[in-house]
């Protein structure tokens, strides 16, 4: 590893450019409302939320009902996707109930 000497004026200019870059990135994130990302859920959390077994969750993944991401043999789900899936299930349940009641 080598040592690099930099004049103080050059260092100050580099620091100022970096600070300007950081301000621009903050402005872009704010403009596009990029904040803290929502945490991803793992298999166990999704099974608990949906009150289903791991095998049922595997079926939902396999038939494309629930989106997922796999990283190093571990599967994750976006909370937004799970909420959307829950909304679809609730709508189907209500529709089925109305159909059974003859409404």
Protein backbone atom coordinates (compact mmCIF):
# COMPACT_ATOMS: atom_id res chain seq x y z
CA UNK A 1 0.00 0.00 0.00
CA UNK A 2 1.38 3.41 -0.89
CA UNK A 3 1.09 6.79 0.72
CA UNK A 4 -0.31 9.68 -1.29
CA UNK A 5 0.34 13.28 -0.30
CA UNK A 6 -2.23 15.86 -1.32
CA UNK A 7 -1.95 19.59 -0.97
CA UNK A 8 -4.41 21.03 1.53
CA UNK A 9 -6.03 23.21 -1.17
CA UNK A 10 -6.57 20.15 -3.38
CA UNK A 11 -7.96 18.22 -0.43
CA UNK A 12 -10.40 21.05 0.39
CA UNK A 13 -11.63 21.12 -3.23
CA UNK A 14 -12.12 17.34 -3.19
CA UNK A 15 -14.02 17.58 0.07
CA UNK A 16 -16.23 20.40 -1.27
CA UNK A 17 -17.05 18.39 -4.41
CA UNK A 18 -17.91 15.35 -2.35
CA UNK A 19 -20.20 17.43 -0.10
CA UNK A 20 -21.90 18.87 -3.20
CA UNK A 21 -22.38 15.34 -4.55
CA UNK A 22 -23.91 14.25 -1.22
CA UNK A 23 -26.30 17.25 -1.26
CA UNK A 24 -27.40 16.44 -4.81
CA UNK A 25 -28.03 12.80 -3.90
CA UNK A 26 -30.10 13.87 -0.88
CA UNK A 27 -32.11 16.22 -3.10
CA UNK A 28 -32.74 13.45 -5.66
CA UNK A 29 -33.81 11.01 -2.97
CA UNK A 30 -36.12 13.59 -1.44
CA UNK A 31 -37.58 14.52 -4.85
CA UNK A 32 -38.36 10.89 -5.62
CA UNK A 33 -39.42 10.14 -2.05
CA UNK A 34 -36.78 7.52 -1.58
CA UNK A 35 -36.49 6.95 2.11
CA UNK A 36 -35.73 4.02 4.27
CA UNK A 37 -36.57 0.87 2.35
CA UNK A 38 -39.31 -1.27 3.76
CA UNK A 39 -37.92 -4.38 5.42
CA UNK A 40 -38.19 -7.65 3.53
CA UNK A 41 -39.98 -10.60 5.10
CA UNK A 42 -38.67 -14.16 5.26
CA UNK A 43 -40.61 -17.42 4.91
CA UNK A 44 -41.43 -17.71 8.60
CA UNK A 45 -42.76 -14.16 8.85
CA UNK A 46 -44.96 -14.57 5.77
CA UNK A 47 -46.30 -17.91 7.01
CA UNK A 48 -47.24 -16.28 10.30
CA UNK A 49 -48.86 -13.27 8.62
CA UNK A 50 -50.90 -15.40 6.22
CA UNK A 51 -51.46 -18.21 8.74
CA UNK A 52 -50.30 -20.83 6.24
CA UNK A 53 -47.76 -23.65 6.17
CA UNK A 54 -44.37 -23.49 4.49
CA UNK A 55 -45.61 -25.92 1.85
CA UNK A 56 -48.59 -23.68 1.03
CA UNK A 57 -46.21 -20.73 0.74
CA UNK A 58 -44.07 -22.77 -1.64
CA UNK A 59 -47.16 -23.44 -3.76
CA UNK A 60 -47.99 -19.72 -3.83
CA UNK A 61 -44.47 -18.99 -5.05
CA UNK A 62 -44.60 -21.79 -7.61
CA UNK A 63 -47.89 -20.75 -9.18
CA UNK A 64 -46.89 -17.06 -9.27
CA UNK A 65 -49.44 -15.88 -6.74
CA UNK A 66 -46.81 -14.29 -4.53
CA UNK A 67 -43.67 -12.52 -5.74
CA UNK A 68 -40.37 -13.24 -4.05
CA UNK A 69 -36.63 -12.73 -4.30
CA UNK A 70 -34.03 -15.39 -3.60
CA UNK A 71 -30.59 -14.45 -2.30
CA UNK A 72 -28.11 -17.22 -1.50
CA UNK A 73 -30.77 -19.91 -1.04
CA UNK A 74 -32.83 -17.66 1.25
CA UNK A 75 -36.20 -16.37 0.07
CA UNK A 76 -37.53 -12.89 0.84
CA UNK A 77 -40.84 -11.16 0.19
CA UNK A 78 -41.62 -7.46 -0.05
CA UNK A 79 -44.12 -6.43 2.61
CA UNK A 80 -46.03 -4.52 -0.06
CA UNK A 81 -46.47 -7.70 -2.13
CA UNK A 82 -47.72 -9.63 0.90
CA UNK A 83 -50.22 -6.84 1.71
CA UNK A 84 -51.47 -6.89 -1.90
CA UNK A 85 -51.86 -10.65 -1.75
CA UNK A 86 -53.81 -10.34 1.52
CA UNK A 87 -56.13 -7.79 -0.11
CA UNK A 88 -56.81 -10.17 -3.00
CA UNK A 89 -57.53 -13.03 -0.58
CA UNK A 90 -59.90 -10.85 1.44
CA UNK A 91 -61.76 -9.75 -1.71
CA UNK A 92 -62.11 -13.38 -2.84
CA UNK A 93 -63.35 -14.42 0.60
CA UNK A 94 -65.99 -11.67 0.63
CA UNK A 95 -67.09 -12.52 -2.91
CA UNK A 96 -67.39 -16.21 -2.00
CA UNK A 97 -69.38 -15.36 1.12
CA UNK A 98 -71.81 -13.20 -0.87
CA UNK A 99 -72.18 -15.95 -3.46
CA UNK A 100 -72.98 -18.53 -0.77
CA UNK A 101 -75.53 -16.22 0.82
CA UNK A 102 -77.22 -15.69 -2.53
CA UNK A 103 -76.49 -11.99 -2.69
